[in-house]
Amino acid sequence: MDLPTRPAVVLTREPDDNLELKARLLACGVEVREIPCLATEYLVPQVMPKGRVAALVFTSKRGVRGYVGLASQNAVPNDFSFEMVAAVGRATRDALQQHGFRVEIVADPAEGRVLIEMLARRLNPPARIVWVCGNLRTVELDTVLDRAGYMVEALEVYKNYTPDIPHLDPFPVAAVYVASPSAAQRLVENNPWIKDTLFCAIGPTTAAALGKLGVKRIEQIGMQSEKTVQALLHAYQCAL
């Protein structure tokens, strides 16, 4: 595979997650290199929630895809219902709205801590909450809310696993965009040289993980489309 000769912006999410961001960067003349550090398998949980719950909570677009997939397979029990839908971040909200969900709670900035605070303001314990999630969870939503007296059920609808991540010779990098601690760890462990470049993190949890990996230059740029594009474009222009 040919390596870029100009400084590249490295995207570490799955290609489907990069479509809009990659297209906008390319339209601005940015050199883009995709190194997927995460792969997803969608699941049908053995135990599905039943009855009525106070809130159905989503913390990622993958959770939305997984839940919608279950619904399309008629795997969601007919007697399951929810009073409100909550989402972490605008991207997750937008994905839900595209499938007809009415989202009442949106954590912005897209942080688990913010979502927990918003849920606690709207609901009184022992309200029942179903959290649609994956097998790797950095948000301590269930732990924190359980301690506060809420009844939280984690519904795992997808599993993350490690794809084949290449060991690459050093090449010019303007910035690396990472959206999860696990992706950051996999990239750095397979290519230790890259930690000397600028890493743009989706939020504080990923930024903290980067710091523990020895990355020195870290910026938090979120995942809002316009802000993310501008931050990566600026990093690219500075690297030219």
C-alpha atoms as a PDB file:
ATOM      1  CA  MET A   1       0.000   0.000   0.000  1.00  0.00           C
ATOM      2  CA  ASP A   2       1.385   3.370  -1.005  1.00  0.00           C
ATOM      3  CA  LEU A   3       2.021   5.719   1.877  1.00  0.00           C
ATOM      4  CA  PRO A   4       1.059   9.393   1.590  1.00  0.00           C
ATOM      5  CA  THR A   5       3.802  11.832   0.736  1.00  0.00           C
ATOM      6  CA  ARG A   6       1.935  14.811   2.183  1.00  0.00           C
ATOM      7  CA  PRO A   7       0.946  14.909   5.876  1.00  0.00           C
ATOM      8  CA  ALA A   8      -2.162  12.782   6.302  1.00  0.00           C
ATOM      9  CA  VAL A   9      -5.086  12.946   8.676  1.00  0.00           C
ATOM     10  CA  VAL A  10      -5.500   9.420  10.039  1.00  0.00           C
ATOM     11  CA  LEU A  11      -9.037   8.191  10.748  1.00  0.00           C
ATOM     12  CA  THR A  12      -9.300   5.182  13.072  1.00  0.00           C
ATOM     13  CA  ARG A  13     -13.021   4.403  12.971  1.00  0.00           C
ATOM     14  CA  GLU A  14     -14.696   1.871  10.703  1.00  0.00           C
ATOM     15  CA  PRO A  15     -15.055   3.095   7.091  1.00  0.00           C
ATOM     16  CA  ASP A  16     -18.857   3.438   7.356  1.00  0.00           C
ATOM     17  CA  ASP A  17     -18.397   5.795  10.309  1.00  0.00           C
ATOM     18  CA  ASN A  18     -15.921   7.904   8.338  1.00  0.00           C
ATOM     19  CA  LEU A  19     -18.002   8.496   5.217  1.00  0.00           C
ATOM     20  CA  GLU A  20     -19.175  12.049   5.897  1.00  0.00           C
ATOM     21  CA  LEU A  21     -15.994  13.205   7.639  1.00  0.00           C
ATOM     22  CA  LYS A  22     -13.723  11.716   4.970  1.00  0.00           C
ATOM     23  CA  ALA A  23     -15.731  13.276   2.139  1.00  0.00           C
ATOM     24  CA  ARG A  24     -15.593  16.721   3.733  1.00  0.00           C
ATOM     25  CA  LEU A  25     -11.859  16.500   4.402  1.00  0.00           C
ATOM     26  CA  LEU A  26     -11.135  15.353   0.867  1.00  0.00           C
ATOM     27  CA  ALA A  27     -13.252  18.217  -0.484  1.00  0.00           C
ATOM     28  CA  CYS A  28     -10.957  20.598   1.433  1.00  0.00           C
ATOM     29  CA  GLY A  29      -7.876  19.018  -0.148  1.00  0.00           C
ATOM     30  CA  VAL A  30      -6.825  17.087   2.938  1.00  0.00           C
ATOM     31  CA  GLU A  31      -4.828  13.884   2.553  1.00  0.00           C
ATOM     32  CA  VAL A  32      -6.782  11.155   4.408  1.00  0.00           C
ATOM     33  CA  ARG A  33      -5.552   7.741   5.561  1.00  0.00           C
ATOM     34  CA  GLU A  34      -7.934   5.220   7.121  1.00  0.00           C
ATOM     35  CA  ILE A  35      -6.579   2.739   9.663  1.00  0.00           C
ATOM     36  CA  PRO A  36      -9.631   1.034  11.228  1.00  0.00           C
ATOM     37  CA  CYS A  37      -8.849   0.106  14.822  1.00  0.00           C
ATOM     38  CA  LEU A  38     -12.262  -1.255  15.695  1.00  0.00           C
ATOM     39  CA  ALA A  39     -14.638  -3.764  14.114  1.00  0.00           C
ATOM     40  CA  THR A  40     -18.232  -4.488  15.071  1.00  0.00           C
ATOM     41  CA  GLU A  41     -20.391  -7.591  15.245  1.00  0.00           C
ATOM     42  CA  TYR A  42     -24.089  -7.082  15.988  1.00  0.00           C
ATOM     43  CA  LEU A  43     -25.751  -9.448  18.441  1.00  0.00           C
ATOM     44  CA  VAL A  44     -29.140 -10.827  19.412  1.00  0.00           C
ATOM     45  CA  PRO A  45     -29.103 -10.847  23.250  1.00  0.00           C
ATOM     46  CA  GLN A  46     -30.330 -14.028  24.903  1.00  0.00           C
ATOM     47  CA  VAL A  47     -32.380 -11.997  27.374  1.00  0.00           C
ATOM     48  CA  MET A  48     -34.469  -9.079  26.148  1.00  0.00           C
ATOM     49  CA  PRO A  49     -36.138  -6.476  28.386  1.00  0.00           C
ATOM     50  CA  LYS A  50     -39.849  -6.775  29.000  1.00  0.00           C
ATOM     51  CA  GLY A  51     -42.505  -4.458  30.356  1.00  0.00           C
ATOM     52  CA  ARG A  52     -42.383  -0.688  30.619  1.00  0.00           C
ATOM     53  CA  VAL A  53     -39.228   1.258  31.539  1.00  0.00           C
ATOM     54  CA  ALA A  54     -38.665   4.914  32.364  1.00  0.00           C
ATOM     55  CA  ALA A  55     -35.901   5.473  29.811  1.00  0.00           C
ATOM     56  CA  LEU A  56     -34.233   3.771  26.872  1.00  0.00           C
ATOM     57  CA  VAL A  57     -30.653   5.082  26.729  1.00  0.00           C
ATOM     58  CA  PHE A  58     -28.231   5.066  23.785  1.00  0.00           C
ATOM     59  CA  THR A  59     -24.565   6.014  24.056  1.00  0.00           C
ATOM     60  CA  SER A  60     -23.452   5.337  20.462  1.00  0.00           C
ATOM     61  CA  LYS A  61     -24.664   5.099  16.890  1.00  0.00           C
ATOM     62  CA  ARG A  62     -23.721   1.406  16.955  1.00  0.00           C
ATOM     63  CA  GLY A  63     -26.224   0.924  19.748  1.00  0.00           C
ATOM     64  CA  VAL A  64     -28.869   2.541  17.570  1.00  0.00           C
ATOM     65  CA  ARG A  65     -28.016   0.285  14.628  1.00  0.00           C
ATOM     66  CA  GLY A  66     -28.034  -2.794  16.820  1.00  0.00           C
ATOM     67  CA  TYR A  67     -31.373  -1.988  18.445  1.00  0.00           C
ATOM     68  CA  VAL A  68     -33.019  -1.095  15.131  1.00  0.00           C
ATOM     69  CA  GLY A  69     -31.708  -4.368  13.726  1.00  0.00           C
ATOM     70  CA  LEU A  70     -33.325  -6.290  16.577  1.00  0.00           C
ATOM     71  CA  ALA A  71     -36.612  -4.485  15.983  1.00  0.00           C
ATOM     72  CA  SER A  72     -36.491  -5.340  12.266  1.00  0.00           C
ATOM     73  CA  GLN A  73     -36.029  -9.011  13.211  1.00  0.00           C
ATOM     74  CA  ASN A  74     -39.001  -8.823  15.608  1.00  0.00           C
ATOM     75  CA  ALA A  75     -36.602  -9.699  18.431  1.00  0.00           C
ATOM     76  CA  VAL A  76     -37.894  -6.922  20.732  1.00  0.00           C
ATOM     77  CA  PRO A  77     -40.775  -8.259  22.894  1.00  0.00           C
ATOM     78  CA  ASN A  78     -44.193  -6.833  22.095  1.00  0.00           C
ATOM     79  CA  ASP A  79     -44.759  -5.837  25.718  1.00  0.00           C
ATOM     80  CA  PHE A  80     -41.558  -3.780  25.935  1.00  0.00           C
ATOM     81  CA  SER A  81     -42.085   0.002  25.987  1.00  0.00           C
ATOM     82  CA  PHE A  82     -40.360   3.116  27.290  1.00  0.00           C
ATOM     83  CA  GLU A  83     -41.453   6.529  28.498  1.00  0.00           C
ATOM     84  CA  MET A  84     -38.521   8.482  27.039  1.00  0.00           C
ATOM     85  CA  VAL A  85     -35.365   8.101  24.945  1.00  0.00           C
ATOM     86  CA  ALA A  86     -31.982   9.546  25.961  1.00  0.00           C
ATOM     87  CA  ALA A  87     -28.823   9.870  23.872  1.00  0.00           C
ATOM     88  CA  VAL A  88     -25.189  10.815  24.325  1.00  0.00           C
ATOM     89  CA  GLY A  89     -24.333  13.493  21.778  1.00  0.00           C
ATOM     90  CA  ARG A  90     -25.922  14.935  18.687  1.00  0.00           C
ATOM     91  CA  ALA A  91     -24.671  12.192  16.363  1.00  0.00           C
ATOM     92  CA  THR A  92     -26.456   9.504  18.382  1.00  0.00           C
ATOM     93  CA  ARG A  93     -29.553  11.704  18.588  1.00  0.00           C
ATOM     94  CA  ASP A  94     -29.518  12.224  14.816  1.00  0.00           C
ATOM     95  CA  ALA A  95     -29.204   8.479  14.210  1.00  0.00           C
ATOM     96  CA  LEU A  96     -32.195   7.861  16.467  1.00  0.00           C
ATOM     97  CA  GLN A  97     -34.291  10.526  14.793  1.00  0.00           C
ATOM     98  CA  GLN A  98     -33.553   9.042  11.376  1.00  0.00           C
ATOM     99  CA  HIS A  99     -35.324   5.918  12.611  1.00  0.00           C
ATOM    100  CA  GLY A 100     -38.312   7.767  14.007  1.00  0.00           C
ATOM    101  CA  PHE A 101     -37.364   7.990  17.679  1.00  0.00           C
ATOM    102  CA  ARG A 102     -38.376  11.060  19.662  1.00  0.00           C
ATOM    103  CA  VAL A 103     -35.323  11.932  21.761  1.00  0.00           C
ATOM    104  CA  GLU A 104     -36.081  13.869  24.944  1.00  0.00           C
ATOM    105  CA  ILE A 105     -32.641  13.904  26.592  1.00  0.00           C
ATOM    106  CA  VAL A 106     -29.431  14.716  24.695  1.00  0.00           C
ATOM    107  CA  ALA A 107     -26.128  14.924  26.581  1.00  0.00           C
ATOM    108  CA  ASP A 108     -24.198  17.828  25.058  1.00  0.00           C
ATOM    109  CA  PRO A 109     -21.228  17.783  25.373  1.00  0.00           C
ATOM    110  CA  ALA A 110     -21.315  14.100  24.518  1.00  0.00           C
ATOM    111  CA  GLU A 111     -20.063  12.758  27.827  1.00  0.00           C
ATOM    112  CA  GLY A 112     -21.397   9.960  29.997  1.00  0.00           C
ATOM    113  CA  ARG A 113     -21.115  12.175  33.060  1.00  0.00           C
ATOM    114  CA  VAL A 114     -23.444  14.725  31.502  1.00  0.00           C
ATOM    115  CA  LEU A 115     -25.979  12.054  30.560  1.00  0.00           C
ATOM    116  CA  ILE A 116     -25.972  10.631  34.083  1.00  0.00           C
ATOM    117  CA  GLU A 117     -26.643  14.078  35.541  1.00  0.00           C
ATOM    118  CA  MET A 118     -29.484  14.730  33.097  1.00  0.00           C
ATOM    119  CA  LEU A 119     -31.130  11.372  33.788  1.00  0.00           C
ATOM    120  CA  ALA A 120     -30.897  11.936  37.532  1.00  0.00           C
ATOM    121  CA  ARG A 121     -32.624  15.318  37.164  1.00  0.00           C
ATOM    122  CA  ARG A 122     -35.496  13.836  35.159  1.00  0.00           C
ATOM    123  CA  LEU A 123     -36.019  10.521  36.942  1.00  0.00           C
ATOM    124  CA  ASN A 124     -36.385   9.509  40.550  1.00  0.00           C
ATOM    125  CA  PRO A 125     -35.031   6.222  41.919  1.00  0.00           C
ATOM    126  CA  PRO A 126     -35.882   3.396  41.641  1.00  0.00           C
ATOM    127  CA  ALA A 127     -36.767   4.217  38.018  1.00  0.00           C
ATOM    128  CA  ARG A 128     -35.998   1.405  35.585  1.00  0.00           C
ATOM    129  CA  ILE A 129     -33.550   2.238  32.756  1.00  0.00           C
ATOM    130  CA  VAL A 130     -32.472   0.101  29.802  1.00  0.00           C
ATOM    131  CA  TRP A 131     -29.042   1.006  28.429  1.00  0.00           C
ATOM    132  CA  VAL A 132     -28.403  -0.099  24.832  1.00  0.00           C
ATOM    133  CA  CYS A 133     -24.656  -0.669  24.589  1.00  0.00           C
ATOM    134  CA  GLY A 134     -21.748  -2.823  23.439  1.00  0.00           C
ATOM    135  CA  ASN A 135     -19.403  -5.191  25.211  1.00  0.00           C
ATOM    136  CA  LEU A 136     -16.725  -2.514  25.764  1.00  0.00           C
ATOM    137  CA  ARG A 137     -18.057   0.290  27.924  1.00  0.00           C
ATOM    138  CA  THR A 138     -16.083   3.298  29.148  1.00  0.00           C
ATOM    139  CA  VAL A 139     -19.169   5.060  30.519  1.00  0.00           C
ATOM    140  CA  GLU A 140     -19.963   3.947  34.085  1.00  0.00           C
ATOM    141  CA  LEU A 141     -23.637   4.682  33.615  1.00  0.00           C
ATOM    142  CA  ASP A 142     -24.917   1.450  35.160  1.00  0.00           C
ATOM    143  CA  THR A 143     -22.505   1.542  38.101  1.00  0.00           C
ATOM    144  CA  VAL A 144     -23.183   5.171  39.032  1.00  0.00           C
ATOM    145  CA  LEU A 145     -26.958   4.985  38.638  1.00  0.00           C
ATOM    146  CA  ASP A 146     -27.193   1.615  40.394  1.00  0.00           C
ATOM    147  CA  ARG A 147     -25.460   3.152  43.395  1.00  0.00           C
ATOM    148  CA  ALA A 148     -27.967   6.003  43.328  1.00  0.00           C
ATOM    149  CA  GLY A 149     -30.849   3.555  43.567  1.00  0.00           C
ATOM    150  CA  TYR A 150     -31.895   3.247  39.937  1.00  0.00           C
ATOM    151  CA  MET A 151     -32.511  -0.090  38.229  1.00  0.00           C
ATOM    152  CA  VAL A 152     -30.255  -0.201  35.170  1.00  0.00           C
ATOM    153  CA  GLU A 153     -30.285  -3.069  32.672  1.00  0.00           C
ATOM    154  CA  ALA A 154     -27.489  -3.243  30.111  1.00  0.00           C
ATOM    155  CA  LEU A 155     -28.701  -4.513  26.733  1.00  0.00           C
ATOM    156  CA  GLU A 156     -25.638  -5.540  24.700  1.00  0.00           C
ATOM    157  CA  VAL A 157     -26.549  -5.351  21.024  1.00  0.00           C
ATOM    158  CA  TYR A 158     -23.043  -5.353  19.540  1.00  0.00           C
ATOM    159  CA  LYS A 159     -19.535  -6.590  20.210  1.00  0.00           C
ATOM    160  CA  ASN A 160     -16.318  -4.763  19.384  1.00  0.00           C
ATOM    161  CA  TYR A 161     -13.296  -6.752  18.351  1.00  0.00           C
ATOM    162  CA  THR A 162      -9.807  -6.052  17.059  1.00  0.00           C
ATOM    163  CA  PRO A 163      -9.338  -6.001  13.276  1.00  0.00           C
ATOM    164  CA  ASP A 164      -5.978  -6.626  11.627  1.00  0.00           C
ATOM    165  CA  ILE A 165      -4.055  -3.421  12.306  1.00  0.00           C
ATOM    166  CA  PRO A 166      -0.950  -3.093  10.123  1.00  0.00           C
ATOM    167  CA  HIS A 167       2.517  -2.375  11.454  1.00  0.00           C
ATOM    168  CA  LEU A 168       3.449   0.661   9.352  1.00  0.00           C
ATOM    169  CA  ASP A 169       6.695   2.384   8.591  1.00  0.00           C
ATOM    170  CA  PRO A 170       6.587   6.020   9.748  1.00  0.00           C
ATOM    171  CA  PHE A 171       4.900   8.411   7.327  1.00  0.00           C
ATOM    172  CA  PRO A 172       3.955  12.116   7.594  1.00  0.00           C
ATOM    173  CA  VAL A 173       0.943  12.523   9.908  1.00  0.00           C
ATOM    174  CA  ALA A 174      -0.860  15.801  10.482  1.00  0.00           C
ATOM    175  CA  ALA A 175      -3.273  14.408  13.068  1.00  0.00           C
ATOM    176  CA  VAL A 176      -4.838  11.169  14.235  1.00  0.00           C
ATOM    177  CA  TYR A 177      -8.559  11.210  15.012  1.00  0.00           C
ATOM    178  CA  VAL A 178      -9.615   8.650  17.630  1.00  0.00           C
ATOM    179  CA  ALA A 179     -13.070   8.029  19.041  1.00  0.00           C
ATOM    180  CA  SER A 180     -12.415   5.447  21.755  1.00  0.00           C
ATOM    181  CA  PRO A 181      -9.706   4.414  24.238  1.00  0.00           C
ATOM    182  CA  SER A 182      -9.553   0.908  22.756  1.00  0.00           C
ATOM    183  CA  ALA A 183      -8.908   2.239  19.243  1.00  0.00           C
ATOM    184  CA  ALA A 184      -6.175   4.522  20.555  1.00  0.00           C
ATOM    185  CA  GLN A 185      -4.491   1.682  22.421  1.00  0.00           C
ATOM    186  CA  ARG A 186      -4.552  -0.674  19.445  1.00  0.00           C
ATOM    187  CA  LEU A 187      -3.101   1.907  17.071  1.00  0.00           C
ATOM    188  CA  VAL A 188      -0.284   2.979  19.405  1.00  0.00           C
ATOM    189  CA  GLU A 189       0.630  -0.562  20.446  1.00  0.00           C
ATOM    190  CA  ASN A 190       0.961  -1.645  16.800  1.00  0.00           C
ATOM    191  CA  ASN A 191       2.712   1.562  15.708  1.00  0.00           C
ATOM    192  CA  PRO A 192       4.528   3.117  18.705  1.00  0.00           C
ATOM    193  CA  TRP A 193       6.144   5.808  16.531  1.00  0.00           C
ATOM    194  CA  ILE A 194       2.781   7.427  15.871  1.00  0.00           C
ATOM    195  CA  LYS A 195       2.335   8.580  19.483  1.00  0.00           C
ATOM    196  CA  ASP A 196       4.757  11.435  18.767  1.00  0.00           C
ATOM    197  CA  THR A 197       2.163  13.043  16.463  1.00  0.00           C
ATOM    198  CA  LEU A 198      -0.928  15.103  17.250  1.00  0.00           C
ATOM    199  CA  PHE A 199      -3.934  13.080  18.414  1.00  0.00           C
ATOM    200  CA  CYS A 200      -7.430  14.564  18.234  1.00  0.00           C
ATOM    201  CA  ALA A 201      -9.740  12.866  20.709  1.00  0.00           C
ATOM    202  CA  ILE A 202     -13.508  12.642  20.701  1.00  0.00           C
ATOM    203  CA  GLY A 203     -13.750  13.498  24.408  1.00  0.00           C
ATOM    204  CA  PRO A 204     -12.098  13.503  27.842  1.00  0.00           C
ATOM    205  CA  THR A 205     -12.174   9.728  28.371  1.00  0.00           C
ATOM    206  CA  THR A 206     -10.307   9.058  25.145  1.00  0.00           C
ATOM    207  CA  ALA A 207      -7.948  11.978  25.832  1.00  0.00           C
ATOM    208  CA  ALA A 208      -7.095  10.558  29.256  1.00  0.00           C
ATOM    209  CA  ALA A 209      -6.393   7.154  27.720  1.00  0.00           C
ATOM    210  CA  LEU A 210      -4.074   8.766  25.174  1.00  0.00           C
ATOM    211  CA  GLY A 211      -2.139  10.449  27.958  1.00  0.00           C
ATOM    212  CA  LYS A 212      -1.611   7.096  29.688  1.00  0.00           C
ATOM    213  CA  LEU A 213      -0.305   5.689  26.402  1.00  0.00           C
ATOM    214  CA  GLY A 214       2.411   8.347  26.316  1.00  0.00           C
ATOM    215  CA  VAL A 215       0.893  10.624  23.687  1.00  0.00           C
ATOM    216  CA  LYS A 216       2.136  14.164  24.348  1.00  0.00           C
ATOM    217  CA  ARG A 217       0.048  16.259  21.933  1.00  0.00           C
ATOM    218  CA  ILE A 218      -3.667  15.801  22.529  1.00  0.00           C
ATOM    219  CA  GLU A 219      -6.630  17.953  21.576  1.00  0.00           C
ATOM    220  CA  GLN A 220     -10.287  17.301  22.388  1.00  0.00           C
ATOM    221  CA  ILE A 221     -12.356  18.144  19.324  1.00  0.00           C
ATOM    222  CA  GLY A 222     -15.584  16.209  19.885  1.00  0.00           C
ATOM    223  CA  MET A 223     -17.594  14.645  17.078  1.00  0.00           C
ATOM    224  CA  GLN A 224     -19.748  17.551  15.931  1.00  0.00           C
ATOM    225  CA  SER A 225     -19.338  17.578  12.184  1.00  0.00           C
ATOM    226  CA  GLU A 226     -18.358  21.207  11.571  1.00  0.00           C
ATOM    227  CA  LYS A 227     -16.097  21.550  14.608  1.00  0.00           C
ATOM    228  CA  THR A 228     -14.366  18.257  13.876  1.00  0.00           C
ATOM    229  CA  VAL A 229     -13.729  19.127  10.230  1.00  0.00           C
ATOM    230  CA  GLN A 230     -12.341  22.548  11.106  1.00  0.00           C
ATOM    231  CA  ALA A 231     -10.024  21.157  13.804  1.00  0.00           C
ATOM    232  CA  LEU A 232      -8.600  18.477  11.503  1.00  0.00           C
ATOM    233  CA  LEU A 233      -8.309  20.911   8.602  1.00  0.00           C
ATOM    234  CA  HIS A 234      -6.373  23.317  10.834  1.00  0.00           C
ATOM    235  CA  ALA A 235      -4.031  20.515  11.939  1.00  0.00           C
ATOM    236  CA  TYR A 236      -3.438  19.570   8.307  1.00  0.00           C
ATOM    237  CA  GLN A 237      -2.687  23.137   7.246  1.00  0.00           C
ATOM    238  CA  CYS A 238      -0.248  23.575  10.149  1.00  0.00           C
ATOM    239  CA  ALA A 239       1.589  20.399   9.121  1.00  0.00           C
ATOM    240  CA  LEU A 240       2.129  21.439   5.497  1.00  0.00           C
END
